[in-house]
Amino acid sequence: MAPGPICAAAQCSFDDPEPGHVPRPSGLVGAVATCEAGDMVNEVVDITEKLSLFSEHWSPKVVARLNDYEIKVVKVKGEFVWHTHDDTDELFLVVAGELSIQLRDGDVRLSAGQLFVVPRGVEHCPVADGEVHALLIEPTGVVNTGDAGGALTAAYDDSLA
């Protein structure tokens, strides 16, 4: 039998897991390890399906976690704000459409299937003439507008994870 989803119930343990759940070790106490609320589910993430669940632009949604990183999907259209992320690089992978990332020393243009990593501390401004669907990989807690703040700063959203 294939393993079920990793449990998010605090009561689930190796000795008595919830039906269909695989508990995640998180600090052994004797022979028992409990699952942690918010653990990712052990299943395939369909990026296209996740992108179909919302319509707002410039509002990244967490769809998965990888160690201390979050995998986010986002829809963008128009011009964002010039900003930097002083402490981290930022990966953009275009799923659909064409995205331009303005840099002070020239623009980077991306089509579906292409990615670009903006190095930490580099000021940039994403621009999309039409709607673009993209995937972002960045450390947990990174704010979309970096140091700029303002009206386009998105609230943290892990409702699709």
C-alpha atoms as a PDB file:
ATOM      1  CA  MET A   1       0.000   0.000   0.000  1.00  0.00           C
ATOM      2  CA  ALA A   2       1.329   3.470  -0.894  1.00  0.00           C
ATOM      3  CA  PRO A   3       1.882   5.849   1.986  1.00  0.00           C
ATOM      4  CA  GLY A   4      -0.877   8.329   2.687  1.00  0.00           C
ATOM      5  CA  PRO A   5      -0.467  12.034   3.305  1.00  0.00           C
ATOM      6  CA  ILE A   6       1.906  13.171   5.995  1.00  0.00           C
ATOM      7  CA  CYS A   7      -0.264  13.891   8.977  1.00  0.00           C
ATOM      8  CA  ALA A   8      -0.945  17.411  10.227  1.00  0.00           C
ATOM      9  CA  ALA A   9      -2.671  16.218  13.398  1.00  0.00           C
ATOM     10  CA  ALA A  10      -0.678  16.822  16.561  1.00  0.00           C
ATOM     11  CA  GLN A  11      -2.076  13.609  18.070  1.00  0.00           C
ATOM     12  CA  CYS A  12      -0.806  11.323  15.284  1.00  0.00           C
ATOM     13  CA  SER A  13       2.160   9.134  16.258  1.00  0.00           C
ATOM     14  CA  PHE A  14       4.215   6.238  14.944  1.00  0.00           C
ATOM     15  CA  ASP A  15       2.522   3.939  17.458  1.00  0.00           C
ATOM     16  CA  ASP A  16      -1.031   4.945  16.506  1.00  0.00           C
ATOM     17  CA  PRO A  17      -1.173   7.018  13.272  1.00  0.00           C
ATOM     18  CA  GLU A  18      -4.392   8.485  11.928  1.00  0.00           C
ATOM     19  CA  PRO A  19      -5.862   6.189   9.229  1.00  0.00           C
ATOM     20  CA  GLY A  20      -4.007   6.648   5.920  1.00  0.00           C
ATOM     21  CA  HIS A  21      -1.423   9.028   7.421  1.00  0.00           C
ATOM     22  CA  VAL A  22       2.329   8.777   7.650  1.00  0.00           C
ATOM     23  CA  PRO A  23       3.624  10.591  10.736  1.00  0.00           C
ATOM     24  CA  ARG A  24       6.680  12.840  10.368  1.00  0.00           C
ATOM     25  CA  PRO A  25       9.385  12.548  13.022  1.00  0.00           C
ATOM     26  CA  SER A  26       9.808  15.836  14.846  1.00  0.00           C
ATOM     27  CA  GLY A  27      11.663  15.108  18.033  1.00  0.00           C
ATOM     28  CA  LEU A  28      11.502  11.656  19.484  1.00  0.00           C
ATOM     29  CA  VAL A  29      10.147  11.112  22.962  1.00  0.00           C
ATOM     30  CA  GLY A  30      10.822   7.494  23.719  1.00  0.00           C
ATOM     31  CA  ALA A  31       9.706   5.620  20.608  1.00  0.00           C
ATOM     32  CA  VAL A  32       6.998   8.106  19.646  1.00  0.00           C
ATOM     33  CA  ALA A  33       7.271  10.923  17.117  1.00  0.00           C
ATOM     34  CA  THR A  34       4.387  13.249  16.422  1.00  0.00           C
ATOM     35  CA  CYS A  35       3.256  14.952  13.249  1.00  0.00           C
ATOM     36  CA  GLU A  36       3.455  18.722  13.111  1.00  0.00           C
ATOM     37  CA  ALA A  37       0.596  20.984  12.107  1.00  0.00           C
ATOM     38  CA  GLY A  38       1.390  22.591   8.777  1.00  0.00           C
ATOM     39  CA  ASP A  39       3.573  19.728   7.494  1.00  0.00           C
ATOM     40  CA  MET A  40       3.378  19.345   3.742  1.00  0.00           C
ATOM     41  CA  VAL A  41       1.276  16.584   2.278  1.00  0.00           C
ATOM     42  CA  ASN A  42       3.126  13.737   0.567  1.00  0.00           C
ATOM     43  CA  GLU A  43       1.483  14.153  -2.837  1.00  0.00           C
ATOM     44  CA  VAL A  44       2.033  15.619  -6.293  1.00  0.00           C
ATOM     45  CA  VAL A  45       1.492  19.378  -6.645  1.00  0.00           C
ATOM     46  CA  ASP A  46      -0.190  20.287  -9.938  1.00  0.00           C
ATOM     47  CA  ILE A  47       1.081  23.802 -10.722  1.00  0.00           C
ATOM     48  CA  THR A  48      -1.508  24.418 -13.455  1.00  0.00           C
ATOM     49  CA  GLU A  49      -4.333  23.382 -11.138  1.00  0.00           C
ATOM     50  CA  LYS A  50      -3.038  25.591  -8.304  1.00  0.00           C
ATOM     51  CA  LEU A  51      -2.802  28.574 -10.676  1.00  0.00           C
ATOM     52  CA  SER A  52      -6.441  28.012 -11.715  1.00  0.00           C
ATOM     53  CA  LEU A  53      -7.630  28.551  -8.126  1.00  0.00           C
ATOM     54  CA  PHE A  54      -7.051  32.322  -7.981  1.00  0.00           C
ATOM     55  CA  SER A  55      -7.104  35.373 -10.240  1.00  0.00           C
ATOM     56  CA  GLU A  56      -5.405  38.234  -8.371  1.00  0.00           C
ATOM     57  CA  HIS A  57      -2.066  39.552  -9.622  1.00  0.00           C
ATOM     58  CA  TRP A  58       1.149  40.062  -7.645  1.00  0.00           C
ATOM     59  CA  SER A  59      -0.088  37.889  -4.764  1.00  0.00           C
ATOM     60  CA  PRO A  60       2.165  34.807  -4.424  1.00  0.00           C
ATOM     61  CA  LYS A  61       0.654  31.629  -2.968  1.00  0.00           C
ATOM     62  CA  VAL A  62       2.725  28.948  -1.239  1.00  0.00           C
ATOM     63  CA  VAL A  63       2.129  25.522  -2.835  1.00  0.00           C
ATOM     64  CA  ALA A  64       4.995  23.528  -1.310  1.00  0.00           C
ATOM     65  CA  ARG A  65       7.946  23.737   1.041  1.00  0.00           C
ATOM     66  CA  LEU A  66      11.511  22.566   0.556  1.00  0.00           C
ATOM     67  CA  ASN A  67      13.622  22.691   3.712  1.00  0.00           C
ATOM     68  CA  ASP A  68      13.618  26.387   4.666  1.00  0.00           C
ATOM     69  CA  TYR A  69      12.304  27.471   1.250  1.00  0.00           C
ATOM     70  CA  GLU A  70       8.818  28.026  -0.101  1.00  0.00           C
ATOM     71  CA  ILE A  71       7.650  27.201  -3.600  1.00  0.00           C
ATOM     72  CA  LYS A  72       5.096  29.812  -4.660  1.00  0.00           C
ATOM     73  CA  VAL A  73       2.876  30.350  -7.677  1.00  0.00           C
ATOM     74  CA  VAL A  74       1.946  33.841  -8.795  1.00  0.00           C
ATOM     75  CA  LYS A  75       0.048  35.581 -11.564  1.00  0.00           C
ATOM     76  CA  VAL A  76       1.512  38.890 -12.694  1.00  0.00           C
ATOM     77  CA  LYS A  77       0.407  41.596 -15.074  1.00  0.00           C
ATOM     78  CA  GLY A  78       1.676  45.135 -15.540  1.00  0.00           C
ATOM     79  CA  GLU A  79       4.649  46.638 -13.738  1.00  0.00           C
ATOM     80  CA  PHE A  80       5.665  45.765 -10.205  1.00  0.00           C
ATOM     81  CA  VAL A  81       7.838  47.966  -7.957  1.00  0.00           C
ATOM     82  CA  TRP A  82      11.608  48.353  -8.029  1.00  0.00           C
ATOM     83  CA  HIS A  83      12.932  46.476  -5.012  1.00  0.00           C
ATOM     84  CA  THR A  84      15.757  44.379  -3.609  1.00  0.00           C
ATOM     85  CA  HIS A  85      16.041  41.383  -1.328  1.00  0.00           C
ATOM     86  CA  ASP A  86      19.231  42.080   0.614  1.00  0.00           C
ATOM     87  CA  ASP A  87      19.471  38.634   2.218  1.00  0.00           C
ATOM     88  CA  THR A  88      18.439  36.233  -0.536  1.00  0.00           C
ATOM     89  CA  ASP A  89      18.446  35.386  -4.210  1.00  0.00           C
ATOM     90  CA  GLU A  90      15.039  35.104  -5.921  1.00  0.00           C
ATOM     91  CA  LEU A  91      14.185  32.490  -8.567  1.00  0.00           C
ATOM     92  CA  PHE A  92      11.564  33.212 -11.246  1.00  0.00           C
ATOM     93  CA  LEU A  93      10.390  30.302 -13.437  1.00  0.00           C
ATOM     94  CA  VAL A  94       7.858  31.293 -16.097  1.00  0.00           C
ATOM     95  CA  VAL A  95       5.091  28.719 -16.518  1.00  0.00           C
ATOM     96  CA  ALA A  96       3.024  30.676 -19.090  1.00  0.00           C
ATOM     97  CA  GLY A  97       3.436  34.016 -20.833  1.00  0.00           C
ATOM     98  CA  GLU A  98       6.432  36.310 -21.156  1.00  0.00           C
ATOM     99  CA  LEU A  99       8.064  38.151 -18.270  1.00  0.00           C
ATOM    100  CA  SER A 100      10.629  40.928 -18.345  1.00  0.00           C
ATOM    101  CA  ILE A 101      12.753  41.504 -15.272  1.00  0.00           C
ATOM    102  CA  GLN A 102      14.174  45.000 -15.390  1.00  0.00           C
ATOM    103  CA  LEU A 103      17.625  45.370 -13.871  1.00  0.00           C
ATOM    104  CA  ARG A 104      19.567  48.617 -13.601  1.00  0.00           C
ATOM    105  CA  ASP A 105      22.112  47.308 -16.139  1.00  0.00           C
ATOM    106  CA  GLY A 106      19.646  45.749 -18.640  1.00  0.00           C
ATOM    107  CA  ASP A 107      16.508  43.669 -18.908  1.00  0.00           C
ATOM    108  CA  VAL A 108      16.116  39.893 -18.769  1.00  0.00           C
ATOM    109  CA  ARG A 109      13.279  38.437 -20.867  1.00  0.00           C
ATOM    110  CA  LEU A 110      11.789  35.071 -19.991  1.00  0.00           C
ATOM    111  CA  SER A 111       9.341  32.843 -21.874  1.00  0.00           C
ATOM    112  CA  ALA A 112       7.496  29.740 -20.654  1.00  0.00           C
ATOM    113  CA  GLY A 113       9.927  27.130 -19.387  1.00  0.00           C
ATOM    114  CA  GLN A 114      12.736  29.617 -18.697  1.00  0.00           C
ATOM    115  CA  LEU A 115      14.045  30.722 -15.328  1.00  0.00           C
ATOM    116  CA  PHE A 116      16.257  33.462 -13.974  1.00  0.00           C
ATOM    117  CA  VAL A 117      17.790  33.954 -10.552  1.00  0.00           C
ATOM    118  CA  VAL A 118      18.015  37.541  -9.336  1.00  0.00           C
ATOM    119  CA  PRO A 119      21.077  37.662  -7.066  1.00  0.00           C
ATOM    120  CA  ARG A 120      20.660  38.951  -3.531  1.00  0.00           C
ATOM    121  CA  GLY A 121      20.919  42.701  -3.261  1.00  0.00           C
ATOM    122  CA  VAL A 122      20.227  43.338  -6.975  1.00  0.00           C
ATOM    123  CA  GLU A 123      17.481  45.880  -7.572  1.00  0.00           C
ATOM    124  CA  HIS A 124      14.868  44.580  -9.990  1.00  0.00           C
ATOM    125  CA  CYS A 125      11.365  45.233 -11.289  1.00  0.00           C
ATOM    126  CA  PRO A 126       9.265  42.493 -12.927  1.00  0.00           C
ATOM    127  CA  VAL A 127       7.046  43.636 -15.821  1.00  0.00           C
ATOM    128  CA  ALA A 128       4.456  41.693 -17.839  1.00  0.00           C
ATOM    129  CA  ASP A 129       2.536  43.168 -20.766  1.00  0.00           C
ATOM    130  CA  GLY A 130       0.023  40.281 -20.622  1.00  0.00           C
ATOM    131  CA  GLU A 131      -0.786  37.896 -17.802  1.00  0.00           C
ATOM    132  CA  VAL A 132       2.125  35.696 -16.773  1.00  0.00           C
ATOM    133  CA  HIS A 133       2.021  32.600 -14.588  1.00  0.00           C
ATOM    134  CA  ALA A 134       5.222  31.957 -12.674  1.00  0.00           C
ATOM    135  CA  LEU A 135       6.763  29.852  -9.961  1.00  0.00           C
ATOM    136  CA  LEU A 136       9.003  31.440  -7.318  1.00  0.00           C
ATOM    137  CA  ILE A 137      11.462  29.752  -4.988  1.00  0.00           C
ATOM    138  CA  GLU A 138      12.578  31.777  -2.003  1.00  0.00           C
ATOM    139  CA  PRO A 139      13.312  31.359   1.695  1.00  0.00           C
ATOM    140  CA  THR A 140      10.354  31.222   4.055  1.00  0.00           C
ATOM    141  CA  GLY A 141       9.182  34.676   5.066  1.00  0.00           C
ATOM    142  CA  VAL A 142      10.445  36.668   2.065  1.00  0.00           C
ATOM    143  CA  VAL A 143       8.167  39.641   1.367  1.00  0.00           C
ATOM    144  CA  ASN A 144       7.310  40.063  -2.323  1.00  0.00           C
ATOM    145  CA  THR A 145       8.173  43.775  -2.383  1.00  0.00           C
ATOM    146  CA  GLY A 146      11.472  43.292  -0.558  1.00  0.00           C
ATOM    147  CA  ASP A 147      12.770  46.562   0.854  1.00  0.00           C
ATOM    148  CA  ALA A 148      10.249  48.734  -1.038  1.00  0.00           C
ATOM    149  CA  GLY A 149       7.005  47.892   0.793  1.00  0.00           C
ATOM    150  CA  GLY A 150       3.902  49.705  -0.409  1.00  0.00           C
ATOM    151  CA  ALA A 151       0.499  48.901  -1.861  1.00  0.00           C
ATOM    152  CA  LEU A 152       1.667  45.807  -3.783  1.00  0.00           C
ATOM    153  CA  THR A 153       3.011  44.062  -0.676  1.00  0.00           C
ATOM    154  CA  ALA A 154       1.083  40.793  -0.545  1.00  0.00           C
ATOM    155  CA  ALA A 155      -0.216  39.176   2.628  1.00  0.00           C
ATOM    156  CA  TYR A 156       1.339  35.793   3.397  1.00  0.00           C
ATOM    157  CA  ASP A 157      -0.818  33.091   1.779  1.00  0.00           C
ATOM    158  CA  ASP A 158      -0.232  29.377   2.214  1.00  0.00           C
ATOM    159  CA  SER A 159      -3.866  28.401   1.618  1.00  0.00           C
ATOM    160  CA  LEU A 160      -2.900  26.334  -1.453  1.00  0.00           C
ATOM    161  CA  ALA A 161      -0.177  24.335   0.356  1.00  0.00           C
END
